[in-house]
Amino acid sequence: MLGNVGVWTFAFDGQPASRVREAAAEIEELGYGAIWYGEGFGRDTVGQAWLLLSATRQVTVASGIANIAFRDPITQAAAARTLGEAFPGRYLLGLGGHRVDDTIHKLDGYPVPAVAKAVSTMSDYLAAMDAVPAHSPSAQPAVRRVLAALGPKMLSLAAERTWGAHPYFVPVEHTRQARAIMGPDAFLGVEQAVVLDTDADRARQIATAHVTAYVTMAPHQLANVRRMGFGDDDLVGGPSRRLVDAIVAHGDAEVIRGRVRQHLEAGADHVAIQVLTADPTALPDREWRELAPALLDVAGTRPPAAGHRR
């Protein structure tokens, strides 16, 4: 059970394993329903999941996302089965990382070759995972899968072939559109970047740096914000205040609580907050603690929408 609110972070990668264990245990104790983590060139997604699952007792651990360009379907299927069998019902596999053209995508200067068109690549990957024979104990229940989905075709694939979708770097309006595309039954777990800081200038500076990085280095994110109605006035010469404020909620706990509520009212089943700070390598422990009462309150007062999967 993910509950309505979880934590999303890249910051585990820069921490020693002992520190990650401590942080995961505290996140669970604070009452968050899920711990989401990305995958770059830090810990691989399987090792990170094992570390987090072994440090906690009940909280859901979710890859957000496991990059399909980094491992073939055989390896991914076997790893998911192993984690699901060892930690029943607690591991959620988010898949993404598909390349959408024939260029070489670079991460920290390291070339990651293109795969193919996004939707067909992901569809084939899912089919290949499903076809992998199992010669080890099966996970009971089977590990659920979600897709990193932004556009209508990938959202539809997520609803048809997996448990649901995990959109990242999206405004509330995207959540509303995603729910309409996916229908009432598919899971919709949205990442929401936040800056907990009442100094408006400092908060917006952190938020602007986050948005700038994605619209300049992630073509699929740039395409999606354009799809959502943000044009050259919002993008040329740096992201506009309108775009920054739509992507990043910044201010006090009540402001962030309000943004989470907006996503839930727009159709999200779950919102995973990514706390941004001036030091992206540091764990935002203080912010997680300060936000927990407000966010878990908004989650606890809103019943699950009828028909939505849990």
Protein backbone atom coordinates (compact mmCIF):
# COMPACT_ATOMS: atom_id res chain seq x y z
CA MET A 1 0.00 0.00 0.00
CA LEU A 2 1.54 3.27 -1.13
CA GLY A 3 -0.91 5.61 0.54
CA ASN A 4 -1.44 9.03 -0.99
CA VAL A 5 1.96 10.59 -0.29
CA GLY A 6 5.53 9.36 -0.65
CA VAL A 7 9.10 10.66 -0.92
CA TRP A 8 11.10 10.85 -4.17
CA THR A 9 14.86 11.48 -4.16
CA PHE A 10 18.12 11.18 -6.07
CA ALA A 11 20.10 12.04 -2.95
CA PHE A 12 20.61 8.47 -1.73
CA ASP A 13 23.27 7.95 -4.41
CA GLY A 14 25.72 10.33 -2.73
CA GLN A 15 25.37 8.78 0.72
CA PRO A 16 27.07 5.74 2.29
CA ALA A 17 24.86 2.70 2.72
CA SER A 18 24.64 3.17 6.49
CA ARG A 19 23.25 6.69 6.03
CA VAL A 20 20.72 5.49 3.44
CA ARG A 21 19.48 2.83 5.86
CA GLU A 22 18.99 5.42 8.60
CA ALA A 23 17.15 7.80 6.27
CA ALA A 24 14.87 5.09 4.89
CA ALA A 25 13.92 3.93 8.37
CA GLU A 26 13.08 7.49 9.39
CA ILE A 27 10.99 8.11 6.26
CA GLU A 28 8.97 5.03 7.13
CA GLU A 29 8.62 6.12 10.75
CA LEU A 30 7.40 9.56 9.64
CA GLY A 31 4.50 7.83 7.90
CA TYR A 32 5.24 8.31 4.21
CA GLY A 33 3.75 5.50 2.16
CA ALA A 34 6.52 5.01 -0.39
CA ILE A 35 10.18 5.73 -1.08
CA TRP A 36 10.90 6.48 -4.75
CA TYR A 37 14.41 6.80 -6.16
CA GLY A 38 15.90 7.51 -9.56
CA GLU A 39 18.66 5.74 -11.46
CA GLY A 40 21.65 7.42 -13.03
CA PHE A 41 25.27 6.48 -12.43
CA GLY A 42 24.99 6.01 -8.69
CA ARG A 43 23.77 2.73 -7.26
CA ASP A 44 22.03 0.52 -9.77
CA THR A 45 18.28 0.26 -9.31
CA VAL A 46 18.33 -3.32 -8.01
CA GLY A 47 21.01 -2.71 -5.38
CA GLN A 48 19.31 0.49 -4.25
CA ALA A 49 15.98 -1.32 -3.88
CA TRP A 50 17.54 -4.09 -1.81
CA LEU A 51 19.26 -1.56 0.44
CA LEU A 52 16.03 0.36 1.07
CA LEU A 53 13.82 -2.70 1.48
CA SER A 54 16.20 -4.34 3.93
CA ALA A 55 16.29 -1.16 6.06
CA THR A 56 12.50 -0.90 6.37
CA ARG A 57 9.58 -3.11 7.35
CA GLN A 58 6.40 -2.00 5.59
CA VAL A 59 6.93 1.01 3.34
CA THR A 60 6.75 0.50 -0.43
CA VAL A 61 10.03 0.94 -2.28
CA ALA A 62 9.60 2.10 -5.87
CA SER A 63 12.08 2.58 -8.69
CA GLY A 64 11.33 5.89 -10.34
CA ILE A 65 12.60 4.70 -12.76
CA ALA A 66 14.68 1.64 -13.61
CA ASN A 67 16.32 2.56 -16.90
CA ILE A 68 15.63 -0.01 -19.62
CA ALA A 69 18.70 1.20 -21.53
CA PHE A 70 20.87 -0.10 -18.67
CA ARG A 71 19.75 -3.76 -18.59
CA ASP A 72 18.09 -6.29 -20.82
CA PRO A 73 14.62 -7.70 -20.08
CA ILE A 74 16.00 -11.01 -18.79
CA THR A 75 18.03 -9.30 -16.09
CA GLN A 76 15.21 -6.94 -15.18
CA ALA A 77 12.63 -9.73 -14.94
CA ALA A 78 14.86 -11.90 -12.78
CA ALA A 79 15.73 -9.01 -10.47
CA ALA A 80 12.09 -8.01 -10.03
CA ARG A 81 11.08 -11.57 -9.20
CA THR A 82 13.87 -11.83 -6.65
CA LEU A 83 12.96 -8.58 -4.91
CA GLY A 84 9.27 -9.43 -4.97
CA GLU A 85 9.84 -12.86 -3.49
CA ALA A 86 12.18 -11.58 -0.77
CA PHE A 87 9.97 -8.61 0.18
CA PRO A 88 6.38 -9.62 -0.66
CA GLY A 89 4.15 -6.80 -1.84
CA ARG A 90 6.66 -4.05 -1.07
CA TYR A 91 8.57 -3.52 -4.32
CA LEU A 92 7.12 -1.45 -7.18
CA LEU A 93 9.02 -1.52 -10.47
CA GLY A 94 8.91 1.72 -12.43
CA LEU A 95 10.30 1.39 -15.94
CA GLY A 96 11.50 4.13 -18.27
CA GLY A 97 14.59 5.55 -19.91
CA HIS A 98 13.51 4.80 -23.49
CA ARG A 99 15.23 6.87 -26.13
CA VAL A 100 12.97 8.54 -28.64
CA ASP A 101 15.29 9.13 -31.59
CA ASP A 102 18.49 7.88 -33.17
CA THR A 103 20.90 10.17 -31.33
CA ILE A 104 23.41 9.29 -28.65
CA HIS A 105 22.13 10.44 -25.27
CA LYS A 106 24.85 11.36 -22.78
CA LEU A 107 24.77 11.13 -19.00
CA ASP A 108 27.70 12.97 -17.43
CA GLY A 109 29.43 12.67 -20.78
CA TYR A 110 28.95 8.90 -20.98
CA PRO A 111 27.20 7.83 -24.21
CA VAL A 112 24.00 5.80 -23.80
CA PRO A 113 22.94 4.60 -27.27
CA ALA A 114 19.46 5.18 -28.58
CA VAL A 115 17.08 2.23 -28.54
CA ALA A 116 14.13 3.05 -30.78
CA LYS A 117 10.79 4.80 -30.70
CA ALA A 118 9.52 5.14 -27.15
CA VAL A 119 6.15 3.37 -27.18
CA SER A 120 7.13 0.42 -29.38
CA THR A 121 10.40 -0.02 -27.46
CA MET A 122 8.62 -0.12 -24.12
CA SER A 123 5.89 -2.43 -25.43
CA ASP A 124 8.51 -4.87 -26.72
CA TYR A 125 10.46 -4.66 -23.46
CA LEU A 126 7.38 -5.53 -21.41
CA ALA A 127 6.60 -8.47 -23.69
CA ALA A 128 10.19 -9.71 -23.41
CA MET A 129 10.06 -9.49 -19.59
CA ASP A 130 6.82 -11.45 -19.55
CA ALA A 131 8.35 -14.19 -21.68
CA VAL A 132 11.37 -14.84 -19.43
CA PRO A 133 11.12 -18.34 -17.88
CA ALA A 134 11.15 -18.54 -14.09
CA HIS A 135 13.44 -21.08 -12.41
CA SER A 136 13.29 -19.57 -8.93
CA PRO A 137 10.48 -19.01 -6.42
CA SER A 138 7.81 -16.69 -7.75
CA ALA A 139 6.88 -13.45 -6.04
CA GLN A 140 3.53 -13.60 -4.25
CA PRO A 141 1.92 -11.25 -5.08
CA ALA A 142 3.57 -10.57 -8.43
CA VAL A 143 5.59 -7.36 -8.60
CA ARG A 144 3.55 -4.48 -9.97
CA ARG A 145 4.97 -2.36 -12.78
CA VAL A 146 4.39 1.27 -13.77
CA LEU A 147 5.75 3.27 -16.68
CA ALA A 148 7.41 6.66 -16.85
CA ALA A 149 4.67 8.14 -19.03
CA LEU A 150 4.08 11.67 -20.27
CA GLY A 151 2.45 11.63 -23.70
CA PRO A 152 -0.96 10.15 -24.56
CA LYS A 153 0.41 7.02 -26.24
CA MET A 154 2.69 6.06 -23.35
CA LEU A 155 -0.05 6.82 -20.82
CA SER A 156 -2.39 4.54 -22.75
CA LEU A 157 0.25 1.80 -22.85
CA ALA A 158 0.75 2.17 -19.10
CA ALA A 159 -2.98 1.73 -18.48
CA GLU A 160 -3.28 -1.22 -20.85
CA ARG A 161 -0.13 -3.20 -20.06
CA THR A 162 0.92 -2.29 -16.51
CA TRP A 163 -0.50 -1.20 -13.15
CA GLY A 164 -0.27 2.44 -14.21
CA ALA A 165 1.96 5.46 -14.72
CA HIS A 166 4.59 7.51 -12.90
CA PRO A 167 4.73 10.95 -14.55
CA TYR A 168 7.71 13.12 -13.58
CA PHE A 169 8.20 16.90 -13.95
CA VAL A 170 4.56 17.69 -14.64
CA PRO A 171 2.05 20.40 -13.69
CA VAL A 172 -1.32 19.63 -12.14
CA GLU A 173 -3.06 19.96 -15.50
CA HIS A 174 -1.03 17.01 -16.78
CA THR A 175 -2.40 14.91 -13.93
CA ARG A 176 -5.94 15.84 -14.94
CA GLN A 177 -5.27 14.92 -18.57
CA ALA A 178 -3.46 11.71 -17.64
CA ARG A 179 -6.42 10.51 -15.58
CA ALA A 180 -8.77 11.21 -18.50
CA ILE A 181 -6.55 9.25 -20.88
CA MET A 182 -5.91 6.29 -18.54
CA GLY A 183 -9.42 5.91 -17.20
CA PRO A 184 -10.52 5.44 -13.60
CA ASP A 185 -8.82 2.14 -12.76
CA ALA A 186 -5.13 2.63 -13.60
CA PHE A 187 -2.74 3.74 -10.88
CA LEU A 188 -1.41 7.29 -11.27
CA GLY A 189 1.57 8.18 -9.07
CA VAL A 190 2.92 11.67 -9.75
CA GLU A 191 6.29 13.16 -8.80
CA GLN A 192 6.10 16.72 -7.45
CA ALA A 193 9.22 18.84 -6.92
CA VAL A 194 9.05 21.15 -3.89
CA VAL A 195 11.19 23.76 -2.15
CA LEU A 196 10.37 24.25 1.53
CA ASP A 197 11.57 27.82 2.03
CA THR A 198 9.60 30.99 2.85
CA ASP A 199 12.28 33.20 1.31
CA ALA A 200 10.62 33.62 -2.10
CA ASP A 201 13.75 34.71 -3.98
CA ARG A 202 15.90 31.90 -2.63
CA ALA A 203 13.18 29.31 -3.20
CA ARG A 204 12.54 30.40 -6.77
CA GLN A 205 16.28 30.36 -7.51
CA ILE A 206 16.48 26.70 -6.48
CA ALA A 207 13.29 25.90 -8.39
CA THR A 208 14.51 27.70 -11.51
CA ALA A 209 17.78 25.76 -11.54
CA HIS A 210 15.83 22.49 -11.39
CA VAL A 211 13.50 23.42 -14.24
CA THR A 212 16.35 24.79 -16.36
CA ALA A 213 18.27 21.53 -16.11
CA TYR A 214 15.37 19.43 -17.37
CA VAL A 215 14.20 21.65 -20.23
CA THR A 216 17.76 22.00 -21.54
CA MET A 217 19.01 18.42 -21.10
CA ALA A 218 15.87 16.25 -21.39
CA PRO A 219 14.20 16.54 -24.82
CA HIS A 220 11.18 14.48 -23.75
CA GLN A 221 10.55 16.82 -20.81
CA LEU A 222 10.87 19.85 -23.07
CA ALA A 223 8.42 18.30 -25.53
CA ASN A 224 5.96 17.61 -22.74
CA VAL A 225 5.94 21.13 -21.31
CA ARG A 226 5.34 22.42 -24.83
CA ARG A 227 2.50 19.92 -25.14
CA MET A 228 1.10 21.39 -21.93
CA GLY A 229 0.93 24.86 -23.48
CA PHE A 230 4.26 26.42 -22.50
CA GLY A 231 5.80 28.18 -25.51
CA ASP A 232 8.85 30.18 -26.47
CA ASP A 233 7.90 32.97 -24.05
CA ASP A 234 8.28 30.43 -21.24
CA LEU A 235 11.41 28.72 -22.54
CA VAL A 236 13.68 30.96 -24.58
CA GLY A 237 16.25 32.72 -22.41
CA GLY A 238 15.46 30.55 -19.41
CA PRO A 239 12.23 29.21 -17.90
CA SER A 240 9.53 31.74 -17.12
CA ARG A 241 8.12 32.26 -13.65
CA ARG A 242 4.87 30.70 -14.91
CA LEU A 243 6.64 27.49 -15.93
CA VAL A 244 8.78 27.31 -12.79
CA ASP A 245 5.78 27.79 -10.52
CA ALA A 246 3.78 25.16 -12.42
CA ILE A 247 6.50 22.52 -12.04
CA VAL A 248 7.87 23.31 -8.56
CA ALA A 249 5.77 24.11 -5.49
CA HIS A 250 7.74 26.46 -3.24
CA GLY A 251 6.97 28.17 0.03
CA ASP A 252 5.86 26.90 3.43
CA ALA A 253 4.33 23.53 4.28
CA GLU A 254 0.80 24.78 3.60
CA VAL A 255 1.72 25.82 0.05
CA ILE A 256 3.20 22.41 -0.64
CA ARG A 257 0.23 20.71 1.01
CA GLY A 258 -2.04 22.66 -1.32
CA ARG A 259 -0.16 21.46 -4.42
CA VAL A 260 -0.37 17.84 -3.28
CA ARG A 261 -4.09 18.25 -2.73
CA GLN A 262 -4.46 19.69 -6.24
CA HIS A 263 -2.85 16.61 -7.77
CA LEU A 264 -5.05 14.30 -5.72
CA GLU A 265 -8.17 16.22 -6.70
CA ALA A 266 -7.07 16.12 -10.35
CA GLY A 267 -7.00 12.32 -10.26
CA ALA A 268 -3.67 11.22 -8.81
CA ASP A 269 -3.70 8.21 -6.51
CA HIS A 270 -0.31 9.06 -5.04
CA VAL A 271 2.03 12.08 -5.01
CA ALA A 272 5.76 11.60 -4.40
CA ILE A 273 7.43 14.80 -3.24
CA GLN A 274 10.98 15.52 -4.40
CA VAL A 275 12.46 18.05 -1.99
CA LEU A 276 14.92 20.39 -3.69
CA THR A 277 17.58 22.23 -1.70
CA ALA A 278 20.63 24.36 -2.43
CA ASP A 279 22.78 21.24 -2.03
CA PRO A 280 21.34 18.44 -4.18
CA THR A 281 23.80 15.91 -2.77
CA ALA A 282 22.51 16.27 0.81
CA LEU A 283 19.57 14.35 2.21
CA PRO A 284 16.71 16.74 3.00
CA ASP A 285 15.97 15.15 6.37
CA ARG A 286 14.76 18.35 7.99
CA GLU A 287 12.32 19.06 5.17
CA TRP A 288 10.93 15.50 5.20
CA ARG A 289 10.30 15.84 8.94
CA GLU A 290 8.71 19.28 8.67
CA LEU A 291 6.47 18.35 5.76
CA ALA A 292 5.25 15.01 7.09
CA PRO A 293 2.46 16.30 9.40
CA ALA A 294 0.96 18.57 6.75
CA LEU A 295 1.22 16.09 3.89
CA LEU A 296 0.03 13.06 5.78
CA ASP A 297 -2.88 15.12 7.04
CA VAL A 298 -4.02 15.95 3.51
CA ALA A 299 -3.57 12.31 2.53
CA GLY A 300 -5.47 11.05 5.53
CA THR A 301 -8.45 13.32 5.01
CA ARG A 302 -9.00 12.35 1.38
CA PRO A 303 -10.49 8.90 0.75
CA PRO A 304 -9.27 6.95 -2.30
CA ALA A 305 -11.18 7.87 -5.45
CA ALA A 306 -13.73 5.28 -6.42
CA GLY A 307 -12.36 2.68 -8.78
CA HIS A 308 -8.70 3.69 -8.48
CA ARG A 309 -6.31 0.84 -7.96
CA ARG A 310 -4.20 0.64 -4.82
